[in-house]
Amino acid sequence: MHIEFRHLRTIQAIHEAGGLARAAEKMNITQSALSHQVKGLEDQAGVELFVRRSKPLKLSPAGQRLLKLAQQVLPQIEALQDEFSGLREGSTGRMHIAIECHACFEWLFPVLEHFRRSWPDVDVDIRPGLAFDALPALLREEVDLVVSSDPEDLAGVTFVELFDYKAVFVAASNHPLAEKPYVEAADFRGETLITYPVERSRLDVFSQLLIPAKVEPAAIRQVELTAVILLLVASNRGVSVLPDWVVREVKYSSDYVTRPLTRNGVTRRLYAAVRTDDLDKPFMDQLLKLAGDEARKLQAV
């Protein structure tokens, strides 16, 4: 037996209309064509689907079984059609984000809060891009956007500039290095450096300062949360290097000081890596704009 979606729609329409004439009008076909379709379906099934000479027209037990199938399947088909329509129009989709910048969670959450209000039908998820290779995952379409400060030349991937930031030294206000106008690599030799639990190559203090200078801190302590890092720094348990927008509140606290790294400072740029083909999606464009707006707010504080 070969059942098509039109057969299910026919059974449902006749049941709801209570007769062939009204169902045919509802389906915008002739009553003769509808009768022919029902007869063909009954011939395939080998059973009658309607109780003849009943008013209104009633389904037979076999017809009731087919109606039940229609009521299960047709809503799913309609939902799928709506989803495909949304994809074509750019109103639905997926936005799975991998973050290689550990501190970026605090910056990204306000962005996503605004985003979800405008795009409620876009599936949003965040995956820390620290336990897997985020950019290869982007190429495999496992994620849709990667936040990174290390752009690469990858075919099919565009790195969109988000904002620049400075990596700054943070210490307790009574720390000896607080007296210096800026700190250098050698100043870390006797210090406990408090960092996020990230490999060294992804930490600005190592990639931009300590590794090139071949300097090793006295000790390294890894901490998950920015608030805890600042708590330990204020207690003189160590020093840290953080993005300037992360420690913006330090400016107004007497417990900490921030100092530039080196005389000229260390400036880094944050990017959103996106598959080039996805750049024209309306919700992708909106997310990138929101990200830039939020970044300017942080830097203005």
Protein backbone atom coordinates (compact mmCIF):
# COMPACT_ATOMS: atom_id res chain seq x y z
CA MET A 1 0.00 0.00 0.00
CA HIS A 2 1.42 3.35 -1.08
CA ILE A 3 0.25 6.20 1.17
CA GLU A 4 1.05 9.79 0.23
CA PHE A 5 0.72 12.94 2.30
CA ARG A 6 -2.22 14.00 0.11
CA HIS A 7 -4.05 10.84 1.15
CA LEU A 8 -3.63 11.74 4.80
CA ARG A 9 -4.81 15.29 4.14
CA THR A 10 -7.83 13.92 2.28
CA ILE A 11 -8.87 11.64 5.14
CA GLN A 12 -8.48 14.44 7.64
CA ALA A 13 -10.40 16.95 5.49
CA ILE A 14 -13.35 14.61 4.92
CA HIS A 15 -13.50 13.75 8.62
CA GLU A 16 -13.48 17.44 9.60
CA ALA A 17 -15.97 18.47 6.88
CA GLY A 18 -18.36 15.54 7.42
CA GLY A 19 -18.86 14.91 3.70
CA LEU A 20 -17.21 14.81 0.29
CA ALA A 21 -18.79 17.97 -1.09
CA ARG A 22 -17.64 20.24 1.75
CA ALA A 23 -14.22 18.58 1.89
CA ALA A 24 -13.74 19.04 -1.86
CA GLU A 25 -14.61 22.73 -1.52
CA LYS A 26 -12.17 23.09 1.36
CA MET A 27 -9.41 21.37 -0.63
CA ASN A 28 -10.25 23.40 -3.75
CA ILE A 29 -10.81 20.33 -5.95
CA THR A 30 -13.90 18.82 -7.58
CA GLN A 31 -16.03 16.33 -5.70
CA SER A 32 -15.49 13.86 -8.55
CA ALA A 33 -11.70 14.12 -8.21
CA LEU A 34 -11.94 13.64 -4.45
CA SER A 35 -14.20 10.58 -4.85
CA HIS A 36 -11.75 9.12 -7.34
CA GLN A 37 -8.88 9.66 -4.91
CA VAL A 38 -10.77 7.96 -2.07
CA LYS A 39 -11.72 5.03 -4.33
CA GLY A 40 -8.06 4.59 -5.36
CA LEU A 41 -6.93 4.60 -1.75
CA GLU A 42 -9.58 2.05 -0.75
CA ASP A 43 -8.56 -0.17 -3.66
CA GLN A 44 -4.98 -0.08 -2.40
CA ALA A 45 -5.98 -0.80 1.19
CA GLY A 46 -8.46 -3.51 0.22
CA VAL A 47 -10.95 -2.18 2.78
CA GLU A 48 -13.55 0.56 2.96
CA LEU A 49 -12.40 3.71 4.71
CA PHE A 50 -15.86 5.25 5.15
CA VAL A 51 -19.26 3.99 6.28
CA ARG A 52 -21.41 4.63 3.24
CA ARG A 53 -24.90 6.12 3.50
CA SER A 54 -24.07 7.73 6.84
CA LYS A 55 -24.76 11.43 7.42
CA PRO A 56 -22.47 13.02 8.23
CA LEU A 57 -20.02 10.71 6.47
CA LYS A 58 -18.25 8.60 9.06
CA LEU A 59 -14.91 6.81 9.00
CA SER A 60 -14.79 3.03 9.19
CA PRO A 61 -12.42 1.39 11.71
CA ALA A 62 -9.78 1.27 8.96
CA GLY A 63 -10.45 4.93 8.18
CA GLN A 64 -10.11 5.82 11.87
CA ARG A 65 -6.70 4.15 11.88
CA LEU A 66 -5.63 6.19 8.88
CA LEU A 67 -6.98 9.36 10.49
CA LYS A 68 -4.91 8.68 13.59
CA LEU A 69 -1.82 8.41 11.41
CA ALA A 70 -2.72 11.68 9.68
CA GLN A 71 -3.11 13.44 13.03
CA GLN A 72 0.34 12.23 14.07
CA VAL A 73 2.22 12.85 10.84
CA LEU A 74 0.73 16.00 9.32
CA PRO A 75 1.56 18.35 12.25
CA GLN A 76 5.18 17.14 12.10
CA ILE A 77 5.31 17.81 8.36
CA GLU A 78 3.84 21.28 8.85
CA ALA A 79 6.37 22.03 11.59
CA LEU A 80 9.19 20.89 9.32
CA GLN A 81 7.88 23.08 6.50
CA ASP A 82 7.78 26.06 8.87
CA GLU A 83 11.33 25.31 9.96
CA PHE A 84 12.55 25.12 6.36
CA SER A 85 10.71 28.34 5.59
CA GLY A 86 12.42 29.99 8.55
CA LEU A 87 15.80 28.77 7.34
CA ARG A 88 15.15 30.20 3.88
CA GLU A 89 14.08 33.53 5.37
CA GLY A 90 16.95 33.55 7.87
CA SER A 91 14.73 33.70 10.95
CA THR A 92 15.71 30.29 12.35
CA GLY A 93 18.94 28.36 12.55
CA ARG A 94 21.74 27.37 14.88
CA MET A 95 24.37 29.45 16.63
CA HIS A 96 26.80 27.19 18.47
CA ILE A 97 29.78 29.17 19.70
CA ALA A 98 33.24 27.98 20.74
CA ILE A 99 35.35 30.32 22.87
CA GLU A 100 39.14 30.15 22.85
CA CYS A 101 39.30 33.26 25.03
CA HIS A 102 38.51 32.09 28.57
CA ALA A 103 37.68 35.56 29.88
CA CYS A 104 35.23 36.13 27.03
CA PHE A 105 32.40 34.35 28.82
CA GLU A 106 31.76 37.49 30.84
CA TRP A 107 31.71 39.66 27.71
CA LEU A 108 29.64 37.26 25.59
CA PHE A 109 26.73 36.58 27.96
CA PRO A 110 25.24 40.10 27.67
CA VAL A 111 25.58 39.80 23.87
CA LEU A 112 23.64 36.54 23.80
CA GLU A 113 20.99 37.91 26.16
CA HIS A 114 20.19 40.65 23.64
CA PHE A 115 20.48 38.21 20.74
CA ARG A 116 17.94 35.70 22.06
CA ARG A 117 15.28 38.41 22.39
CA SER A 118 15.57 39.26 18.70
CA TRP A 119 16.08 35.70 17.45
CA PRO A 120 14.09 33.36 19.73
CA ASP A 121 13.99 30.60 17.09
CA VAL A 122 17.78 30.37 16.75
CA ASP A 123 19.29 27.54 18.80
CA VAL A 124 22.14 29.03 20.86
CA ASP A 125 24.82 27.08 22.69
CA ILE A 126 28.30 27.85 24.03
CA ARG A 127 31.15 25.37 24.10
CA PRO A 128 34.49 26.22 25.71
CA GLY A 129 36.94 25.90 22.82
CA LEU A 130 39.67 24.77 25.19
CA ALA A 131 39.04 21.03 25.33
CA PHE A 132 38.95 20.59 21.54
CA ASP A 133 40.30 22.21 18.37
CA ALA A 134 37.71 24.89 17.76
CA LEU A 135 38.67 25.96 14.24
CA PRO A 136 38.65 22.43 12.78
CA ALA A 137 35.26 21.99 14.48
CA LEU A 138 34.09 25.14 12.68
CA LEU A 139 35.13 23.64 9.34
CA ARG A 140 33.32 20.40 10.20
CA GLU A 141 30.19 22.47 10.99
CA GLU A 142 30.14 21.24 14.57
CA VAL A 143 30.15 24.86 15.74
CA ASP A 144 29.14 28.04 13.90
CA LEU A 145 31.36 30.74 15.38
CA VAL A 146 34.70 30.72 17.18
CA VAL A 147 35.87 33.61 19.38
CA SER A 148 39.65 33.77 19.09
CA SER A 149 42.59 36.16 19.25
CA ASP A 150 44.68 34.03 16.87
CA PRO A 151 43.49 34.37 13.25
CA GLU A 152 44.60 31.76 10.72
CA ASP A 153 44.51 31.58 6.93
CA LEU A 154 41.80 28.96 6.42
CA ALA A 155 39.89 28.39 3.19
CA GLY A 156 36.18 28.99 3.69
CA VAL A 157 36.63 30.83 7.02
CA THR A 158 36.45 34.59 7.57
CA PHE A 159 37.87 36.25 10.69
CA VAL A 160 35.71 39.25 11.57
CA GLU A 161 37.37 41.88 13.77
CA LEU A 162 35.50 42.44 17.02
CA PHE A 163 37.60 44.78 19.12
CA ASP A 164 41.10 45.53 20.40
CA TYR A 165 42.05 45.21 24.03
CA LYS A 166 45.12 45.63 26.17
CA ALA A 167 46.55 42.87 28.34
CA VAL A 168 47.30 44.55 31.70
CA PHE A 169 49.22 43.55 34.80
CA VAL A 170 47.10 43.36 37.97
CA ALA A 171 48.53 43.40 41.50
CA ALA A 172 47.52 44.37 45.02
CA SER A 173 47.89 48.09 45.65
CA ASN A 174 50.61 47.43 48.24
CA HIS A 175 52.60 45.07 46.01
CA PRO A 176 56.19 46.24 45.29
CA LEU A 177 55.55 46.18 41.53
CA ALA A 178 52.68 48.65 42.03
CA GLU A 179 55.30 51.38 42.26
CA LYS A 180 56.46 50.79 38.67
CA PRO A 181 54.90 52.67 35.74
CA TYR A 182 54.91 49.42 33.74
CA VAL A 183 56.11 45.86 34.22
CA GLU A 184 58.45 43.79 32.08
CA ALA A 185 59.02 40.07 31.62
CA ALA A 186 61.85 39.96 34.17
CA ASP A 187 59.50 41.28 36.89
CA PHE A 188 57.62 37.95 36.88
CA ARG A 189 60.61 35.82 37.90
CA GLY A 190 59.91 36.04 41.61
CA GLU A 191 56.11 36.10 41.39
CA THR A 192 53.24 33.64 41.63
CA LEU A 193 51.31 34.14 38.42
CA ILE A 194 47.57 33.48 38.70
CA THR A 195 46.00 32.47 35.37
CA TYR A 196 42.93 30.82 33.91
CA PRO A 197 43.23 27.03 33.46
CA VAL A 198 44.35 27.38 29.84
CA GLU A 199 47.43 26.12 28.03
CA ARG A 200 50.23 28.67 27.94
CA SER A 201 50.06 29.34 24.22
CA ARG A 202 46.54 30.75 24.68
CA LEU A 203 47.46 33.14 27.47
CA ASP A 204 48.61 36.62 26.43
CA VAL A 205 51.12 36.92 29.25
CA PHE A 206 52.97 33.88 27.96
CA SER A 207 52.52 34.21 24.19
CA GLN A 208 53.24 37.94 24.07
CA LEU A 209 55.71 38.42 26.92
CA LEU A 210 57.18 35.54 28.91
CA ILE A 211 57.82 32.92 26.20
CA PRO A 212 59.64 35.35 23.84
CA ALA A 213 61.71 36.60 26.80
CA LYS A 214 62.32 33.01 28.07
CA VAL A 215 61.17 34.01 31.54
CA GLU A 216 59.50 31.59 33.97
CA PRO A 217 57.45 32.83 36.99
CA ALA A 218 58.32 31.49 40.43
CA ALA A 219 54.98 29.63 40.48
CA ILE A 220 51.76 29.37 38.53
CA ARG A 221 48.31 29.05 40.09
CA GLN A 222 45.31 28.28 37.89
CA VAL A 223 41.88 29.61 38.79
CA GLU A 224 38.60 29.25 36.88
CA LEU A 225 36.78 32.48 37.80
CA THR A 226 37.86 36.09 37.28
CA ALA A 227 36.34 37.12 40.62
CA VAL A 228 38.47 34.56 42.45
CA ILE A 229 41.60 35.68 40.59
CA LEU A 230 40.99 39.25 41.75
CA LEU A 231 40.28 38.05 45.29
CA LEU A 232 43.63 36.25 45.42
CA VAL A 233 45.44 39.21 43.89
CA ALA A 234 43.92 41.58 46.46
CA SER A 235 45.11 39.21 49.21
CA ASN A 236 48.66 39.41 47.79
CA ARG A 237 48.63 35.69 46.92
CA GLY A 238 50.00 36.45 43.47
CA VAL A 239 49.75 38.69 40.42
CA SER A 240 47.83 38.29 37.18
CA VAL A 241 47.50 39.53 33.62
CA LEU A 242 43.98 40.10 32.33
CA PRO A 243 42.24 41.91 29.48
CA ASP A 244 41.65 45.55 30.35
CA TRP A 245 37.87 45.24 29.84
CA VAL A 246 37.74 42.36 32.35
CA VAL A 247 39.31 44.46 35.11
CA ARG A 248 37.49 47.70 34.31
CA GLU A 249 36.13 47.86 37.87
CA VAL A 250 39.67 47.74 39.25
CA LYS A 251 39.99 51.39 38.24
CA TYR A 252 37.63 52.31 41.06
CA SER A 253 39.03 49.98 43.72
CA SER A 254 41.79 50.85 46.17
CA ASP A 255 42.68 47.15 46.56
CA TYR A 256 44.30 46.75 43.14
CA VAL A 257 46.42 48.50 40.59
CA THR A 258 46.75 47.84 36.89
CA ARG A 259 49.91 48.52 34.95
CA PRO A 260 50.83 48.19 31.26
CA LEU A 261 52.90 45.26 30.08
CA THR A 262 56.16 46.83 28.80
CA ARG A 263 56.65 50.52 28.08
CA ASN A 264 54.51 50.39 24.91
CA GLY A 265 51.83 48.08 26.27
CA VAL A 266 50.54 44.85 24.72
CA THR A 267 47.50 45.25 22.49
CA ARG A 268 45.57 42.27 21.17
CA ARG A 269 42.63 41.91 18.81
CA LEU A 270 39.66 39.63 19.25
CA TYR A 271 38.03 38.00 16.23
CA ALA A 272 34.93 36.02 15.40
CA ALA A 273 35.80 33.17 13.04
CA VAL A 274 32.81 32.31 10.85
CA ARG A 275 32.29 30.10 7.83
CA THR A 276 32.30 32.54 4.90
CA ASP A 277 29.07 31.11 3.50
CA ASP A 278 27.28 31.95 6.78
CA LEU A 279 28.16 35.64 6.82
CA ASP A 280 25.04 36.60 4.87
CA LYS A 281 22.69 34.98 7.37
CA PRO A 282 20.66 37.76 9.02
CA PHE A 283 21.06 36.40 12.55
CA MET A 284 24.84 36.00 12.10
CA ASP A 285 25.09 39.62 10.97
CA GLN A 286 23.03 40.72 13.97
CA LEU A 287 25.15 38.77 16.45
CA LEU A 288 28.37 40.31 15.12
CA LYS A 289 26.87 43.80 15.42
CA LEU A 290 25.72 43.13 18.98
CA ALA A 291 29.19 41.84 19.84
CA GLY A 292 30.76 45.05 18.59
CA ASP A 293 28.24 47.20 20.46
CA GLU A 294 28.87 45.36 23.73
CA ALA A 295 32.63 45.66 23.25
CA ARG A 296 32.37 49.44 22.86
CA LYS A 297 30.35 49.62 26.08
CA LEU A 298 33.04 47.74 27.96
CA GLN A 299 35.82 49.93 26.64
CA ALA A 300 33.90 53.11 27.44
CA VAL A 301 33.65 52.27 31.15
